[in-house]
Amino acid sequence: PMAIEDFVFITKDKKETHGKAVVTI
């Protein structure tokens, strides 16, 4: 597994998080 600090989740509202993301359908 890649370390969570070395990549980001980016949601539609441009919010960037590490390790976990919340999206709304």
PDB file of all heavy atoms in Angstrom:
ATOM      1  N   PRO A   1       0.831  -1.210   0.000  1.00  0.00           N
ATOM      2  CA  PRO A   1       0.000   0.000   0.000  1.00  0.00           C
ATOM      3  C   PRO A   1       0.864   1.259   0.000  1.00  0.00           C
ATOM      4  O   PRO A   1       1.884   1.330   0.694  1.00  0.00           O
ATOM      5  CB  PRO A   1      -0.800  -0.121   1.295  1.00  0.00           C
ATOM      6  CG  PRO A   1       0.066  -0.952   2.198  1.00  0.00           C
ATOM      7  CD  PRO A   1       0.786  -1.919   1.291  1.00  0.00           C
ATOM      8  N   MET A   2       0.463   2.233  -0.786  1.00  0.00           N
ATOM      9  CA  MET A   2       1.146   3.522  -0.766  1.00  0.00           C
ATOM     10  C   MET A   2       0.764   4.265   0.509  1.00  0.00           C
ATOM     11  O   MET A   2      -0.386   4.196   0.976  1.00  0.00           O
ATOM     12  CB  MET A   2       0.738   4.333  -1.993  1.00  0.00           C
ATOM     13  CG  MET A   2       1.614   5.530  -2.248  1.00  0.00           C
ATOM     14  SD  MET A   2       1.234   6.339  -3.820  1.00  0.00           S
ATOM     15  CE  MET A   2       2.732   7.310  -4.034  1.00  0.00           C
ATOM     16  N   ALA A   3       1.706   4.965   1.101  1.00  0.00           N
ATOM     17  CA  ALA A   3       1.439   5.717   2.326  1.00  0.00           C
ATOM     18  C   ALA A   3       0.400   6.800   2.065  1.00  0.00           C
ATOM     19  O   ALA A   3       0.461   7.498   1.044  1.00  0.00           O
ATOM     20  CB  ALA A   3       2.727   6.332   2.861  1.00  0.00           C
ATOM     21  N   ILE A   4      -0.561   6.964   2.991  1.00  0.00           N
ATOM     22  CA  ILE A   4      -1.686   7.869   2.752  1.00  0.00           C
ATOM     23  C   ILE A   4      -1.233   9.324   2.633  1.00  0.00           C
ATOM     24  O   ILE A   4      -1.923  10.137   2.009  1.00  0.00           O
ATOM     25  CB  ILE A   4      -2.773   7.731   3.838  1.00  0.00           C
ATOM     26  CG1 ILE A   4      -2.206   8.059   5.222  1.00  0.00           C
ATOM     27  CG2 ILE A   4      -3.382   6.340   3.805  1.00  0.00           C
ATOM     28  CD1 ILE A   4      -3.274   8.066   6.310  1.00  0.00           C
ATOM     29  N   GLU A   5      -0.086   9.660   3.193  1.00  0.00           N
ATOM     30  CA  GLU A   5       0.375  11.052   3.089  1.00  0.00           C
ATOM     31  C   GLU A   5       0.918  11.382   1.701  1.00  0.00           C
ATOM     32  O   GLU A   5       1.149  12.562   1.391  1.00  0.00           O
ATOM     33  CB  GLU A   5       1.445  11.353   4.147  1.00  0.00           C
ATOM     34  CG  GLU A   5       2.744  10.577   3.993  1.00  0.00           C
ATOM     35  CD  GLU A   5       2.779   9.269   4.765  1.00  0.00           C
ATOM     36  OE1 GLU A   5       1.689   8.769   5.124  1.00  0.00           O
ATOM     37  OE2 GLU A   5       3.894   8.761   5.011  1.00  0.00           O
ATOM     38  N   ASP A   6       1.089  10.367   0.850  1.00  0.00           N
ATOM     39  CA  ASP A   6       1.705  10.598  -0.456  1.00  0.00           C
ATOM     40  C   ASP A   6       0.698  10.692  -1.599  1.00  0.00           C
ATOM     41  O   ASP A   6       1.089  10.761  -2.767  1.00  0.00           O
ATOM     42  CB  ASP A   6       2.729   9.499  -0.751  1.00  0.00           C
ATOM     43  CG  ASP A   6       3.919   9.568   0.183  1.00  0.00           C
ATOM     44  OD1 ASP A   6       4.248  10.685   0.627  1.00  0.00           O
ATOM     45  OD2 ASP A   6       4.523   8.517   0.470  1.00  0.00           O
ATOM     46  N   PHE A   7      -0.589  10.675  -1.280  1.00  0.00           N
ATOM     47  CA  PHE A   7      -1.613  10.888  -2.302  1.00  0.00           C
ATOM     48  C   PHE A   7      -2.825  11.543  -1.652  1.00  0.00           C
ATOM     49  O   PHE A   7      -2.960  11.549  -0.417  1.00  0.00           O
ATOM     50  CB  PHE A   7      -2.015   9.570  -2.979  1.00  0.00           C
ATOM     51  CG  PHE A   7      -2.670   8.578  -2.063  1.00  0.00           C
ATOM     52  CD1 PHE A   7      -4.049   8.541  -1.916  1.00  0.00           C
ATOM     53  CD2 PHE A   7      -1.905   7.669  -1.341  1.00  0.00           C
ATOM     54  CE1 PHE A   7      -4.657   7.627  -1.072  1.00  0.00           C
ATOM     55  CE2 PHE A   7      -2.497   6.747  -0.490  1.00  0.00           C
ATOM     56  CZ  PHE A   7      -3.885   6.724  -0.356  1.00  0.00           C
ATOM     57  N   VAL A   8      -3.694  12.113  -2.460  1.00  0.00           N
ATOM     58  CA  VAL A   8      -4.881  12.796  -1.935  1.00  0.00           C
ATOM     59  C   VAL A   8      -6.130  12.317  -2.653  1.00  0.00           C
ATOM     60  O   VAL A   8      -6.086  11.903  -3.816  1.00  0.00           O
ATOM     61  CB  VAL A   8      -4.770  14.334  -2.080  1.00  0.00           C
ATOM     62  CG1 VAL A   8      -3.660  14.866  -1.209  1.00  0.00           C
ATOM     63  CG2 VAL A   8      -4.570  14.734  -3.535  1.00  0.00           C
ATOM     64  N   PHE A   9      -7.241  12.366  -1.926  1.00  0.00           N
ATOM     65  CA  PHE A   9      -8.561  12.234  -2.517  1.00  0.00           C
ATOM     66  C   PHE A   9      -9.072  13.642  -2.830  1.00  0.00           C
ATOM     67  O   PHE A   9      -8.987  14.531  -1.989  1.00  0.00           O
ATOM     68  CB  PHE A   9      -9.546  11.557  -1.567  1.00  0.00           C
ATOM     69  CG  PHE A   9      -9.259  10.110  -1.303  1.00  0.00           C
ATOM     70  CD1 PHE A   9      -9.257   9.617  -0.007  1.00  0.00           C
ATOM     71  CD2 PHE A   9      -9.011   9.229  -2.340  1.00  0.00           C
ATOM     72  CE1 PHE A   9      -9.019   8.282   0.250  1.00  0.00           C
ATOM     73  CE2 PHE A   9      -8.767   7.890  -2.097  1.00  0.00           C
ATOM     74  CZ  PHE A   9      -8.768   7.407  -0.797  1.00  0.00           C
ATOM     75  N   ILE A  10      -9.600  13.827  -4.032  1.00  0.00           N
ATOM     76  CA  ILE A  10     -10.145  15.132  -4.415  1.00  0.00           C
ATOM     77  C   ILE A  10     -11.599  14.929  -4.845  1.00  0.00           C
ATOM     78  O   ILE A  10     -11.879  14.187  -5.792  1.00  0.00           O
ATOM     79  CB  ILE A  10      -9.344  15.774  -5.561  1.00  0.00           C
ATOM     80  CG1 ILE A  10      -7.853  15.862  -5.197  1.00  0.00           C
ATOM     81  CG2 ILE A  10      -9.893  17.159  -5.886  1.00  0.00           C
ATOM     82  CD1 ILE A  10      -6.975  16.376  -6.318  1.00  0.00           C
ATOM     83  N   THR A  11     -12.517  15.595  -4.163  1.00  0.00           N
ATOM     84  CA  THR A  11     -13.942  15.484  -4.487  1.00  0.00           C
ATOM     85  C   THR A  11     -14.363  16.590  -5.444  1.00  0.00           C
ATOM     86  O   THR A  11     -13.573  17.481  -5.778  1.00  0.00           O
ATOM     87  CB  THR A  11     -14.783  15.531  -3.199  1.00  0.00           C
ATOM     88  OG1 THR A  11     -14.432  16.705  -2.454  1.00  0.00           O
ATOM     89  CG2 THR A  11     -14.515  14.302  -2.337  1.00  0.00           C
ATOM     90  N   LYS A  12     -15.608  16.541  -5.883  1.00  0.00           N
ATOM     91  CA  LYS A  12     -16.103  17.478  -6.892  1.00  0.00           C
ATOM     92  C   LYS A  12     -15.977  18.923  -6.448  1.00  0.00           C
ATOM     93  O   LYS A  12     -15.761  19.830  -7.268  1.00  0.00           O
ATOM     94  CB  LYS A  12     -17.557  17.154  -7.221  1.00  0.00           C
ATOM     95  CG  LYS A  12     -18.143  17.962  -8.363  1.00  0.00           C
ATOM     96  CD  LYS A  12     -19.569  17.535  -8.665  1.00  0.00           C
ATOM     97  CE  LYS A  12     -20.160  18.343  -9.809  1.00  0.00           C
ATOM     98  NZ  LYS A  12     -21.558  17.927 -10.110  1.00  0.00           N
ATOM     99  N   ASP A  13     -16.098  19.167  -5.137  1.00  0.00           N
ATOM    100  CA  ASP A  13     -15.983  20.538  -4.612  1.00  0.00           C
ATOM    101  C   ASP A  13     -14.537  20.945  -4.366  1.00  0.00           C
ATOM    102  O   ASP A  13     -14.267  21.945  -3.691  1.00  0.00           O
ATOM    103  CB  ASP A  13     -16.796  20.688  -3.330  1.00  0.00           C
ATOM    104  CG  ASP A  13     -16.360  19.713  -2.238  1.00  0.00           C
ATOM    105  OD1 ASP A  13     -15.378  18.959  -2.459  1.00  0.00           O
ATOM    106  OD2 ASP A  13     -17.006  19.683  -1.171  1.00  0.00           O
ATOM    107  N   LYS A  14     -13.570  20.159  -4.912  1.00  0.00           N
ATOM    108  CA  LYS A  14     -12.130  20.428  -4.848  1.00  0.00           C
ATOM    109  C   LYS A  14     -11.541  20.251  -3.448  1.00  0.00           C
ATOM    110  O   LYS A  14     -10.401  20.665  -3.189  1.00  0.00           O
ATOM    111  CB  LYS A  14     -11.799  21.843  -5.358  1.00  0.00           C
ATOM    112  CG  LYS A  14     -12.317  22.138  -6.754  1.00  0.00           C
ATOM    113  CD  LYS A  14     -11.740  21.164  -7.771  1.00  0.00           C
ATOM    114  CE  LYS A  14     -12.230  21.480  -9.174  1.00  0.00           C
ATOM    115  NZ  LYS A  14     -11.739  20.505 -10.177  1.00  0.00           N
ATOM    116  N   LYS A  15     -12.264  19.622  -2.563  1.00  0.00           N
ATOM    117  CA  LYS A  15     -11.747  19.360  -1.227  1.00  0.00           C
ATOM    118  C   LYS A  15     -10.738  18.222  -1.294  1.00  0.00           C
ATOM    119  O   LYS A  15     -10.998  17.177  -1.887  1.00  0.00           O
ATOM    120  CB  LYS A  15     -12.885  19.000  -0.281  1.00  0.00           C
ATOM    121  CG  LYS A  15     -12.434  18.784   1.155  1.00  0.00           C
ATOM    122  CD  LYS A  15     -13.620  18.471   2.069  1.00  0.00           C
ATOM    123  CE  LYS A  15     -13.157  18.258   3.508  1.00  0.00           C
ATOM    124  NZ  LYS A  15     -14.311  17.935   4.405  1.00  0.00           N
ATOM    125  N   GLU A  16      -9.575  18.419  -0.677  1.00  0.00           N
ATOM    126  CA  GLU A  16      -8.521  17.413  -0.684  1.00  0.00           C
ATOM    127  C   GLU A  16      -8.377  16.809   0.711  1.00  0.00           C
ATOM    128  O   GLU A  16      -8.308  17.533   1.705  1.00  0.00           O
ATOM    129  CB  GLU A  16      -7.190  18.025  -1.135  1.00  0.00           C
ATOM    130  CG  GLU A  16      -7.209  18.553  -2.563  1.00  0.00           C
ATOM    131  CD  GLU A  16      -5.836  18.978  -3.050  1.00  0.00           C
ATOM    132  OE1 GLU A  16      -4.848  18.765  -2.301  1.00  0.00           O
ATOM    133  OE2 GLU A  16      -5.740  19.511  -4.169  1.00  0.00           O
ATOM    134  N   THR A  17      -8.335  15.481   0.770  1.00  0.00           N
ATOM    135  CA  THR A  17      -8.188  14.778   2.038  1.00  0.00           C
ATOM    136  C   THR A  17      -7.221  13.608   1.866  1.00  0.00           C
ATOM    137  O   THR A  17      -6.950  13.167   0.750  1.00  0.00           O
ATOM    138  CB  THR A  17      -9.542  14.235   2.536  1.00  0.00           C
ATOM    139  OG1 THR A  17     -10.115  13.406   1.513  1.00  0.00           O
ATOM    140  CG2 THR A  17     -10.497  15.370   2.867  1.00  0.00           C
ATOM    141  N   HIS A  18      -6.724  13.112   2.979  1.00  0.00           N
ATOM    142  CA  HIS A  18      -5.828  11.961   2.974  1.00  0.00           C
ATOM    143  C   HIS A  18      -6.522  10.781   3.646  1.00  0.00           C
ATOM    144  O   HIS A  18      -7.026  10.903   4.765  1.00  0.00           O
ATOM    145  CB  HIS A  18      -4.533  12.270   3.727  1.00  0.00           C
ATOM    146  CG  HIS A  18      -3.655  13.268   3.048  1.00  0.00           C
ATOM    147  ND1 HIS A  18      -2.773  12.936   2.044  1.00  0.00           N
ATOM    148  CD2 HIS A  18      -3.529  14.607   3.238  1.00  0.00           C
ATOM    149  CE1 HIS A  18      -2.134  14.016   1.641  1.00  0.00           C
ATOM    150  NE2 HIS A  18      -2.570  15.053   2.346  1.00  0.00           N
ATOM    151  N   GLY A  19      -6.534   9.637   2.975  1.00  0.00           N
ATOM    152  CA  GLY A  19      -6.999   8.401   3.596  1.00  0.00           C
ATOM    153  C   GLY A  19      -8.489   8.169   3.600  1.00  0.00           C
ATOM    154  O   GLY A  19      -8.944   7.028   3.727  1.00  0.00           O
ATOM    155  N   LYS A  20      -9.293   9.231   3.456  1.00  0.00           N
ATOM    156  CA  LYS A  20     -10.754   9.097   3.559  1.00  0.00           C
ATOM    157  C   LYS A  20     -11.412  10.254   2.838  1.00  0.00           C
ATOM    158  O   LYS A  20     -10.929  11.389   2.891  1.00  0.00           O
ATOM    159  CB  LYS A  20     -11.155   9.085   5.042  1.00  0.00           C
ATOM    160  CG  LYS A  20     -12.643   9.001   5.322  1.00  0.00           C
ATOM    161  CD  LYS A  20     -12.865   8.977   6.836  1.00  0.00           C
ATOM    162  CE  LYS A  20     -14.329   8.925   7.199  1.00  0.00           C
ATOM    163  NZ  LYS A  20     -14.533   8.880   8.679  1.00  0.00           N
ATOM    164  N   ALA A  21     -12.517   9.979   2.153  1.00  0.00           N
ATOM    165  CA  ALA A  21     -13.265  11.042   1.467  1.00  0.00           C
ATOM    166  C   ALA A  21     -14.752  10.749   1.567  1.00  0.00           C
ATOM    167  O   ALA A  21     -15.179   9.588   1.594  1.00  0.00           O
ATOM    168  CB  ALA A  21     -12.849  11.139   0.006  1.00  0.00           C
ATOM    169  N   VAL A  22     -15.527  11.836   1.614  1.00  0.00           N
ATOM    170  CA  VAL A  22     -16.985  11.730   1.656  1.00  0.00           C
ATOM    171  C   VAL A  22     -17.553  12.457   0.446  1.00  0.00           C
ATOM    172  O   VAL A  22     -17.214  13.619   0.195  1.00  0.00           O
ATOM    173  CB  VAL A  22     -17.563  12.343   2.953  1.00  0.00           C
ATOM    174  CG1 VAL A  22     -19.088  12.233   2.950  1.00  0.00           C
ATOM    175  CG2 VAL A  22     -16.981  11.641   4.182  1.00  0.00           C
ATOM    176  N   VAL A  23     -18.405  11.768  -0.325  1.00  0.00           N
ATOM    177  CA  VAL A  23     -19.029  12.365  -1.504  1.00  0.00           C
ATOM    178  C   VAL A  23     -20.544  12.214  -1.391  1.00  0.00           C
ATOM    179  O   VAL A  23     -21.046  11.337  -0.681  1.00  0.00           O
ATOM    180  CB  VAL A  23     -18.543  11.705  -2.804  1.00  0.00           C
ATOM    181  CG1 VAL A  23     -17.079  11.989  -3.040  1.00  0.00           C
ATOM    182  CG2 VAL A  23     -18.806  10.203  -2.794  1.00  0.00           C
ATOM    183  N   THR A  24     -21.240  13.071  -2.109  1.00  0.00           N
ATOM    184  CA  THR A  24     -22.693  13.026  -2.106  1.00  0.00           C
ATOM    185  C   THR A  24     -23.216  12.816  -3.515  1.00  0.00           C
ATOM    186  O   THR A  24     -22.833  13.547  -4.441  1.00  0.00           O
ATOM    187  CB  THR A  24     -23.281  14.332  -1.546  1.00  0.00           C
ATOM    188  OG1 THR A  24     -22.831  14.517  -0.196  1.00  0.00           O
ATOM    189  CG2 THR A  24     -24.804  14.295  -1.568  1.00  0.00           C
ATOM    190  N   ILE A  25     -24.060  11.803  -3.671  1.00  0.00           N
ATOM    191  CA  ILE A  25     -24.759  11.599  -4.935  1.00  0.00           C
ATOM    192  C   ILE A  25     -26.054  12.397  -4.853  1.00  0.00           C
ATOM    193  O   ILE A  25     -26.904  12.167  -3.987  1.00  0.00           O
ATOM    194  CB  ILE A  25     -25.050  10.105  -5.189  1.00  0.00           C
ATOM    195  CG1 ILE A  25     -23.736   9.328  -5.258  1.00  0.00           C
ATOM    196  CG2 ILE A  25     -25.844   9.922  -6.481  1.00  0.00           C
ATOM    197  CD1 ILE A  25     -23.906   7.836  -5.470  1.00  0.00           C
TER     198      ILE A  25
END
